[in-house]
């Protein structure tokens, strides 16, 4: 179809599609879906080959957040039965990170609930970064600590952080519908602070919160303008005990169209298949690898993911390969631009990365992933708690992590 040919040509040239073209991708039929995936896959392979970067989450502090983000199980007033614990000690976080690195993760993402870090929190996270890099010197470390105050991004960079994550989540027009305790502009400012400090910016979205196609296009175009190096695409995990517990609006086909649209709009950016992939893509996860070049390995912050071993098998069976620690993630032009700004990480290789960067896999957790083929597809508007498994292992517990 002419639309897809136009989008491929633009993606290969890193040219921004029109809003109408992006909306048209979301409006394609199921009969056209494989053509859409194939077209976006051409753009993905142009810039990232068949490599898949593995990332690993370590939840440094879980629950009891004062913010009221409607989608979040850690929010103010959440009744979700999640793990709640205060800051992990640096050696505890480093031990958790070890599992992800041993499983093939190239980046470790350190996340803490809360509005934003105090200076004492930044010092604590700096110690954690040092502990992780002492044990795994080539691993990339991304911090995700909320809204930053002046000077904090620079301190994290000096401590050895390579990247900072702060998602826009949804369009500016609808942001007030999901959060009232901070603004969309606050989030944009934090991403810009990270970029100004020389950190590689990571910022993405959450789909499935009841947004329109226009909202999705708006936030992805905003991300393109903000120009982060990586864009995580999350699919809402509707936790019981949160305001969005009944928002079951996604199908595997819808998720694939969203990923394709993101790839066409952000052709040379690391598009990460993030939270909710097991719940909403289910048996169609391998198709998503033709669109995204990065995934999270194992569990998420408060929910369980697919077994780490199954992630690795899925990547191999789909004909992709895990990106090695010595390989550059970003296309050379992006890696060189990041290096010129004094930042990392381009993802290693000879792309000019500073003190940054993610073996054989350990025995992965044997629990089956939520949302497998044997389970019935969710009905829109009906809460499917059987597809959401609360994390009970790894960081903050006595049980080994899933990696």
Protein backbone atom coordinates (compact mmCIF):
# COMPACT_ATOMS: atom_id res chain seq x y z
CA UNK A 1 0.00 0.00 0.00
CA UNK A 2 1.23 3.52 -0.80
CA UNK A 3 1.08 4.60 2.84
CA UNK A 4 3.56 1.94 3.94
CA UNK A 5 5.94 2.62 1.05
CA UNK A 6 5.94 6.31 1.96
CA UNK A 7 6.55 5.55 5.64
CA UNK A 8 9.41 3.16 4.90
CA UNK A 9 11.07 5.70 2.60
CA UNK A 10 10.75 8.38 5.27
CA UNK A 11 12.02 6.06 7.99
CA UNK A 12 15.11 5.15 6.02
CA UNK A 13 15.82 8.87 5.59
CA UNK A 14 14.96 9.71 9.24
CA UNK A 15 12.23 12.00 7.94
CA UNK A 16 9.25 12.78 10.17
CA UNK A 17 5.94 11.39 8.85
CA UNK A 18 2.85 13.56 8.92
CA UNK A 19 0.32 13.29 11.73
CA UNK A 20 -2.21 11.93 9.24
CA UNK A 21 0.23 9.19 8.22
CA UNK A 22 0.83 8.22 11.84
CA UNK A 23 -2.92 8.15 12.51
CA UNK A 24 -3.41 6.02 9.41
CA UNK A 25 -1.06 3.36 10.82
CA UNK A 26 -3.23 3.07 13.93
CA UNK A 27 -6.33 2.81 11.71
CA UNK A 28 -5.11 -0.08 9.55
CA UNK A 29 -7.15 -3.28 9.52
CA UNK A 30 -6.20 -6.68 10.87
CA UNK A 31 -5.88 -7.88 7.27
CA UNK A 32 -3.16 -5.27 6.77
CA UNK A 33 -1.35 -5.90 10.06
CA UNK A 34 1.43 -8.17 8.78
CA UNK A 35 2.15 -5.69 5.99
CA UNK A 36 2.46 -2.94 8.62
CA UNK A 37 4.82 -5.05 10.74
CA UNK A 38 6.93 -5.93 7.70
CA UNK A 39 7.20 -2.29 6.65
CA UNK A 40 8.17 -1.03 10.10
CA UNK A 41 10.52 -3.99 10.38
CA UNK A 42 12.48 -2.72 7.39
CA UNK A 43 13.06 0.55 9.20
CA UNK A 44 14.04 -1.24 12.41
CA UNK A 45 16.59 -3.43 10.57
CA UNK A 46 18.06 -0.44 8.74
CA UNK A 47 19.11 1.18 12.01
CA UNK A 48 19.44 -1.76 14.42
CA UNK A 49 19.85 -4.93 12.37
CA UNK A 50 18.49 -7.99 14.14
CA UNK A 51 19.93 -7.11 17.54
CA UNK A 52 17.84 -7.00 20.72
CA UNK A 53 19.16 -5.07 23.69
CA UNK A 54 18.31 -6.50 27.11
CA UNK A 55 17.57 -4.20 30.05
CA UNK A 56 17.04 -5.18 33.67
CA UNK A 57 14.97 -3.36 36.30
CA UNK A 58 15.97 -3.05 39.95
CA UNK A 59 13.27 -1.49 42.13
CA UNK A 60 15.30 0.34 44.78
CA UNK A 61 12.30 1.52 46.79
CA UNK A 62 8.80 0.16 46.32
CA UNK A 63 5.39 1.65 47.09
CA UNK A 64 4.22 4.54 49.29
CA UNK A 65 4.61 7.19 46.60
CA UNK A 66 3.01 10.60 47.33
CA UNK A 67 2.06 11.17 43.66
CA UNK A 68 -1.40 10.24 42.35
CA UNK A 69 -0.61 8.78 38.90
CA UNK A 70 -3.75 6.79 38.10
CA UNK A 71 -1.93 3.97 36.29
CA UNK A 72 0.56 3.22 39.05
CA UNK A 73 0.30 0.48 41.68
CA UNK A 74 2.67 2.47 43.92
CA UNK A 75 0.54 5.65 43.84
CA UNK A 76 -0.90 7.61 46.72
CA UNK A 77 -3.94 5.69 47.96
CA UNK A 78 -3.19 2.53 45.98
CA UNK A 79 -4.84 -0.58 47.37
CA UNK A 80 -2.81 -2.88 45.13
CA UNK A 81 -1.24 -5.72 47.14
CA UNK A 82 2.32 -5.00 46.02
CA UNK A 83 5.65 -5.31 47.78
CA UNK A 84 6.45 -2.26 49.89
CA UNK A 85 9.95 -1.57 51.16
CA UNK A 86 12.34 1.31 51.70
CA UNK A 87 15.70 1.84 50.01
CA UNK A 88 17.80 -1.21 49.19
CA UNK A 89 21.37 -1.03 50.43
CA UNK A 90 23.93 -0.54 47.64
CA UNK A 91 25.22 -4.10 47.98
CA UNK A 92 21.66 -5.47 47.82
CA UNK A 93 20.93 -3.53 44.65
CA UNK A 94 24.25 -4.62 43.14
CA UNK A 95 23.45 -8.26 43.88
CA UNK A 96 20.07 -7.88 42.18
CA UNK A 97 21.76 -6.25 39.19
CA UNK A 98 24.21 -9.16 38.97
CA UNK A 99 21.35 -11.50 38.10
CA UNK A 100 20.25 -9.36 35.18
CA UNK A 101 23.77 -8.93 33.84
CA UNK A 102 24.38 -12.68 34.11
CA UNK A 103 21.18 -13.18 32.12
CA UNK A 104 22.51 -11.01 29.29
CA UNK A 105 21.33 -7.53 30.29
CA UNK A 106 23.45 -4.71 28.93
CA UNK A 107 21.68 -1.98 30.92
CA UNK A 108 20.50 -1.94 34.53
CA UNK A 109 17.68 0.48 35.34
CA UNK A 110 17.58 1.72 38.93
CA UNK A 111 14.08 2.89 39.85
CA UNK A 112 12.72 4.41 43.06
CA UNK A 113 9.17 5.46 43.84
CA UNK A 114 8.52 9.05 44.87
CA UNK A 115 8.05 12.52 43.46
CA UNK A 116 11.76 13.05 43.09
CA UNK A 117 15.03 12.42 44.92
CA UNK A 118 16.43 14.44 47.81
CA UNK A 119 20.14 15.21 47.70
CA UNK A 120 20.61 12.43 50.23
CA UNK A 121 18.78 10.06 47.86
CA UNK A 122 21.10 11.08 45.01
CA UNK A 123 24.09 10.31 47.23
CA UNK A 124 22.56 6.91 48.08
CA UNK A 125 21.97 6.10 44.42
CA UNK A 126 25.49 7.26 43.58
CA UNK A 127 26.84 4.67 46.02
CA UNK A 128 24.65 2.05 44.38
CA UNK A 129 25.94 2.94 40.92
CA UNK A 130 29.51 2.60 42.18
CA UNK A 131 28.73 -0.79 43.72
CA UNK A 132 27.18 -2.06 40.49
CA UNK A 133 30.03 -0.83 38.28
CA UNK A 134 32.63 -2.23 40.62
CA UNK A 135 31.17 -5.68 39.97
CA UNK A 136 30.19 -5.13 36.31
CA UNK A 137 32.29 -2.28 34.94
CA UNK A 138 30.90 -2.41 31.39
CA UNK A 139 27.22 -2.34 32.29
CA UNK A 140 25.14 0.73 31.47
CA UNK A 141 23.24 2.22 34.41
CA UNK A 142 20.05 4.21 33.92
CA UNK A 143 18.47 6.02 36.87
CA UNK A 144 14.74 6.66 37.20
CA UNK A 145 14.10 8.64 40.35
CA UNK A 146 11.33 11.05 39.42
CA UNK A 147 11.49 14.82 38.98
CA UNK A 148 15.01 16.23 39.28
CA UNK A 149 16.12 19.39 41.07
CA UNK A 150 18.91 21.65 39.87
CA UNK A 151 22.30 19.94 39.84
CA UNK A 152 21.03 16.43 40.52
CA UNK A 153 21.41 15.21 36.93
CA UNK A 154 25.02 16.41 36.95
CA UNK A 155 25.69 14.59 40.21
CA UNK A 156 24.26 11.36 38.83
CA UNK A 157 26.40 11.72 35.71
CA UNK A 158 29.50 12.31 37.84
CA UNK A 159 28.63 9.19 39.86
CA UNK A 160 28.72 7.09 36.68
CA UNK A 161 25.10 7.04 35.52
CA UNK A 162 24.83 6.75 31.77
CA UNK A 163 21.16 7.51 31.26
CA UNK A 164 18.09 8.93 32.95
CA UNK A 165 14.51 7.78 32.41
CA UNK A 166 11.43 9.93 32.83
CA UNK A 167 8.43 9.08 30.69
CA UNK A 168 5.93 11.56 29.25
CA UNK A 169 3.34 8.74 29.42
CA UNK A 170 0.49 10.42 27.52
CA UNK A 171 -0.38 13.56 25.57
CA UNK A 172 -0.11 17.00 27.14
CA UNK A 173 -3.84 17.56 26.52
CA UNK A 174 -4.89 14.58 28.64
CA UNK A 175 -2.08 14.54 31.19
CA UNK A 176 -4.19 16.20 33.85
CA UNK A 177 -6.69 13.35 33.59
CA UNK A 178 -4.18 10.81 34.89
CA UNK A 179 -2.12 12.88 37.33
CA UNK A 180 -2.80 16.02 39.36
CA UNK A 181 0.24 16.20 41.66
CA UNK A 182 2.66 17.28 38.93
CA UNK A 183 2.42 18.48 35.34
CA UNK A 184 3.40 17.38 31.88
CA UNK A 185 5.77 20.36 31.76
CA UNK A 186 7.51 19.05 34.91
CA UNK A 187 8.26 15.83 33.10
CA UNK A 188 9.57 17.53 29.99
CA UNK A 189 11.84 19.71 32.12
CA UNK A 190 13.36 16.70 33.87
CA UNK A 191 14.18 14.99 30.55
CA UNK A 192 15.80 18.21 29.35
CA UNK A 193 17.82 18.49 32.56
CA UNK A 194 19.15 14.97 31.99
CA UNK A 195 20.11 15.81 28.42
CA UNK A 196 21.82 19.02 29.47
CA UNK A 197 23.91 17.06 31.99
CA UNK A 198 25.16 14.73 29.26
CA UNK A 199 23.00 11.78 30.27
CA UNK A 200 21.38 9.68 27.57
CA UNK A 201 17.67 10.51 27.79
CA UNK A 202 15.10 7.74 28.00
CA UNK A 203 11.44 8.78 27.75
CA UNK A 204 8.38 6.93 26.56
CA UNK A 205 4.68 6.35 26.95
CA UNK A 206 1.96 4.13 28.38
CA UNK A 207 -0.74 2.90 26.01
CA UNK A 208 -4.10 1.53 27.08
CA UNK A 209 -5.22 4.19 29.56
CA UNK A 210 -8.31 5.07 27.55
CA UNK A 211 -6.51 7.53 25.29
CA UNK A 212 -7.50 8.27 21.69
CA UNK A 213 -5.43 7.67 18.58
CA UNK A 214 -4.82 11.43 18.50
CA UNK A 215 -3.42 11.29 22.04
CA UNK A 216 -1.01 8.51 21.08
CA UNK A 217 0.20 10.40 18.04
CA UNK A 218 0.53 13.59 20.10
CA UNK A 219 2.78 12.01 22.73
CA UNK A 220 4.94 10.20 20.17
CA UNK A 221 5.41 13.40 18.17
CA UNK A 222 6.31 15.17 21.41
CA UNK A 223 8.88 12.47 22.10
CA UNK A 224 10.31 12.89 18.62
CA UNK A 225 10.70 16.63 19.30
CA UNK A 226 12.28 15.95 22.71
CA UNK A 227 14.69 13.53 20.97
CA UNK A 228 15.49 10.93 23.65
CA UNK A 229 17.85 8.12 22.69
CA UNK A 230 15.42 5.44 23.87
CA UNK A 231 11.63 5.31 23.92
CA UNK A 232 10.04 2.65 26.16
CA UNK A 233 6.55 1.66 25.06
CA UNK A 234 4.55 0.42 28.04
CA UNK A 235 1.12 -1.20 27.86
CA UNK A 236 -1.00 -0.50 30.91
CA UNK A 237 -1.01 -3.25 33.52
CA UNK A 238 -4.41 -2.67 35.18
CA UNK A 239 -3.70 -3.44 38.82
CA UNK A 240 -6.63 -4.09 41.09
CA UNK A 241 -6.67 -1.30 43.65
CA UNK A 242 -5.84 1.47 41.15
CA UNK A 243 -8.24 3.83 39.33
CA UNK A 244 -7.47 2.21 35.96
CA UNK A 245 -8.06 -1.38 37.10
CA UNK A 246 -10.84 -1.89 34.54
CA UNK A 247 -9.05 -0.34 31.55
CA UNK A 248 -8.66 -3.44 29.41
CA UNK A 249 -8.68 -1.71 26.03
CA UNK A 250 -5.75 -3.34 24.26
CA UNK A 251 -5.50 -6.29 21.90
CA UNK A 252 -2.28 -7.80 20.55
CA UNK A 253 -3.08 -6.28 17.16
CA UNK A 254 -3.56 -2.82 18.67
CA UNK A 255 -0.23 -3.10 20.50
CA UNK A 256 1.58 -4.00 17.28
CA UNK A 257 0.08 -1.02 15.45
CA UNK A 258 1.19 1.29 18.26
CA UNK A 259 4.73 -0.08 18.15
CA UNK A 260 4.82 0.28 14.38
CA UNK A 261 3.67 3.90 14.60
CA UNK A 262 6.38 4.64 17.18
CA UNK A 263 9.00 3.08 14.92
CA UNK A 264 7.91 5.13 11.91
CA UNK A 265 7.93 8.38 13.92
CA UNK A 266 11.18 7.57 15.78
CA UNK A 267 13.03 5.43 13.22
CA UNK A 268 16.59 5.59 14.60
CA UNK A 269 15.74 5.55 18.31
CA UNK A 270 16.01 2.56 20.65
CA UNK A 271 12.35 1.52 20.89
CA UNK A 272 11.94 -0.62 24.00
CA UNK A 273 9.16 -3.15 24.44
CA UNK A 274 8.42 -2.48 28.10
CA UNK A 275 5.86 -3.24 30.80
CA UNK A 276 2.70 -5.13 29.90
CA UNK A 277 4.00 -6.96 26.84
CA UNK A 278 3.25 -10.38 28.31
CA UNK A 279 -0.23 -9.32 29.39
CA UNK A 280 -1.35 -7.69 26.14
CA UNK A 281 0.79 -9.13 23.32
CA UNK A 282 0.82 -12.64 24.74
CA UNK A 283 1.68 -15.15 21.97
CA UNK A 284 2.34 -12.30 19.51
CA UNK A 285 5.35 -11.00 21.43
CA UNK A 286 7.83 -12.36 18.84
CA UNK A 287 6.23 -10.20 16.14
CA UNK A 288 6.92 -7.14 18.27
CA UNK A 289 10.66 -7.82 17.98
CA UNK A 290 10.37 -6.78 14.34
CA UNK A 291 9.39 -3.33 15.61
CA UNK A 292 11.23 -2.84 18.90
CA UNK A 293 14.98 -3.44 19.28
CA UNK A 294 15.05 -3.55 23.07
CA UNK A 295 13.15 -5.31 25.88
CA UNK A 296 13.17 -5.66 29.64
CA UNK A 297 14.43 -9.03 30.83
CA UNK A 298 12.45 -10.79 33.54
CA UNK A 299 10.25 -8.96 36.05
CA UNK A 300 9.05 -5.36 36.31
CA UNK A 301 8.80 -3.02 39.28
CA UNK A 302 5.76 -4.53 40.98
CA UNK A 303 4.61 -7.25 38.57
CA UNK A 304 6.11 -10.47 37.31
CA UNK A 305 7.19 -10.80 33.72
CA UNK A 306 7.95 -13.71 31.48
CA UNK A 307 10.69 -16.04 32.75
CA UNK A 308 14.12 -14.77 31.71
CA UNK A 309 14.92 -18.05 29.98
CA UNK A 310 11.73 -17.75 27.93
CA UNK A 311 12.73 -14.21 26.86
CA UNK A 312 16.05 -15.50 25.53
CA UNK A 313 14.39 -18.43 23.77
CA UNK A 314 11.82 -16.11 22.19
CA UNK A 315 14.55 -13.86 20.80
CA UNK A 316 16.47 -16.80 19.32
CA UNK A 317 13.38 -18.55 17.93
CA UNK A 318 12.28 -15.33 16.19
CA UNK A 319 15.63 -15.10 14.41
CA UNK A 320 17.09 -12.24 16.45
CA UNK A 321 20.22 -12.07 18.57
CA UNK A 322 20.99 -10.55 21.96
CA UNK A 323 23.11 -7.42 21.64
CA UNK A 324 26.52 -7.91 23.19
CA UNK A 325 28.24 -5.62 25.68
CA UNK A 326 30.78 -4.62 23.04
CA UNK A 327 28.22 -3.69 20.39
CA UNK A 328 27.00 -0.16 19.80
CA UNK A 329 23.24 0.17 20.41
CA UNK A 330 22.49 3.45 18.68
CA UNK A 331 23.19 4.18 15.01
CA UNK A 332 26.57 5.85 14.60
CA UNK A 333 25.15 9.33 13.99
CA UNK A 334 23.23 9.25 17.28
CA UNK A 335 26.06 7.66 19.26
CA UNK A 336 28.54 10.24 17.94
CA UNK A 337 26.18 13.11 18.75
CA UNK A 338 25.76 11.81 22.30
CA UNK A 339 29.51 11.41 22.71
CA UNK A 340 30.07 14.94 21.43
CA UNK A 341 27.80 16.24 24.18
CA UNK A 342 30.04 14.55 26.75
CA UNK A 343 27.46 11.88 27.55
CA UNK A 344 26.95 8.16 27.35
CA UNK A 345 25.68 5.85 26.41
CA UNK A 346 25.68 5.07 22.72
CA UNK A 347 25.65 1.48 23.74
CA UNK A 348 29.36 0.61 23.44
CA UNK A 349 31.31 -0.50 20.46
CA UNK A 350 33.37 2.24 18.89
CA UNK A 351 30.57 4.79 19.15
CA UNK A 352 32.34 7.04 21.60
CA UNK A 353 30.82 5.91 24.91
CA UNK A 354 32.33 7.01 28.17
CA UNK A 355 32.17 4.95 31.38
CA UNK A 356 28.99 3.17 30.32
CA UNK A 357 27.42 0.26 28.42
CA UNK A 358 24.95 -5.12 29.70
CA UNK A 359 27.28 -14.44 29.56
CA UNK A 360 25.30 -17.21 29.88
CA UNK A 361 21.88 -17.10 31.40
CA UNK A 362 21.35 -18.39 34.91
CA UNK A 363 18.63 -20.85 35.69
CA UNK A 364 15.57 -18.66 35.20
CA UNK A 365 12.51 -18.69 37.40
CA UNK A 366 10.25 -21.52 36.36
CA UNK A 367 6.97 -19.68 36.86
CA UNK A 368 5.04 -19.37 33.64
CA UNK A 369 4.37 -15.88 32.37
CA UNK A 370 1.01 -14.27 32.91
CA UNK A 371 -1.05 -13.95 29.77
CA UNK A 372 0.03 -17.15 27.99
CA UNK A 373 -1.87 -18.74 25.12
CA UNK A 374 -3.89 -21.02 27.35
CA UNK A 375 -5.61 -18.05 28.94
CA UNK A 376 -8.67 -16.42 27.43
CA UNK A 377 -8.33 -13.05 25.78
CA UNK A 378 -9.47 -10.18 28.00
CA UNK A 379 -12.81 -8.57 27.27
CA UNK A 380 -12.52 -4.77 26.95
CA UNK A 381 -13.78 -3.12 30.12
CA UNK A 382 -13.57 -6.32 32.16
CA UNK A 383 -10.80 -6.56 34.76
CA UNK A 384 -8.66 -9.67 34.22
CA UNK A 385 -6.73 -10.03 37.42
CA UNK A 386 -5.61 -13.52 36.36
CA UNK A 387 -3.34 -11.88 33.78
CA UNK A 388 -1.57 -9.68 36.34
CA UNK A 389 0.89 -11.38 38.71
CA UNK A 390 2.28 -9.23 41.53
CA UNK A 391 6.04 -9.56 41.92
CA UNK A 392 6.96 -11.63 44.98
CA UNK A 393 10.62 -12.39 44.17
CA UNK A 394 13.87 -10.55 43.58
CA UNK A 395 14.61 -7.12 45.04
CA UNK A 396 13.02 -6.58 48.44
CA UNK A 397 12.45 -10.31 49.06
CA UNK A 398 14.44 -13.37 50.10
CA UNK A 399 13.68 -15.15 46.82
CA UNK A 400 16.02 -15.18 43.81
CA UNK A 401 15.19 -12.78 40.99
CA UNK A 402 13.81 -13.67 37.58
CA UNK A 403 16.54 -13.09 34.99
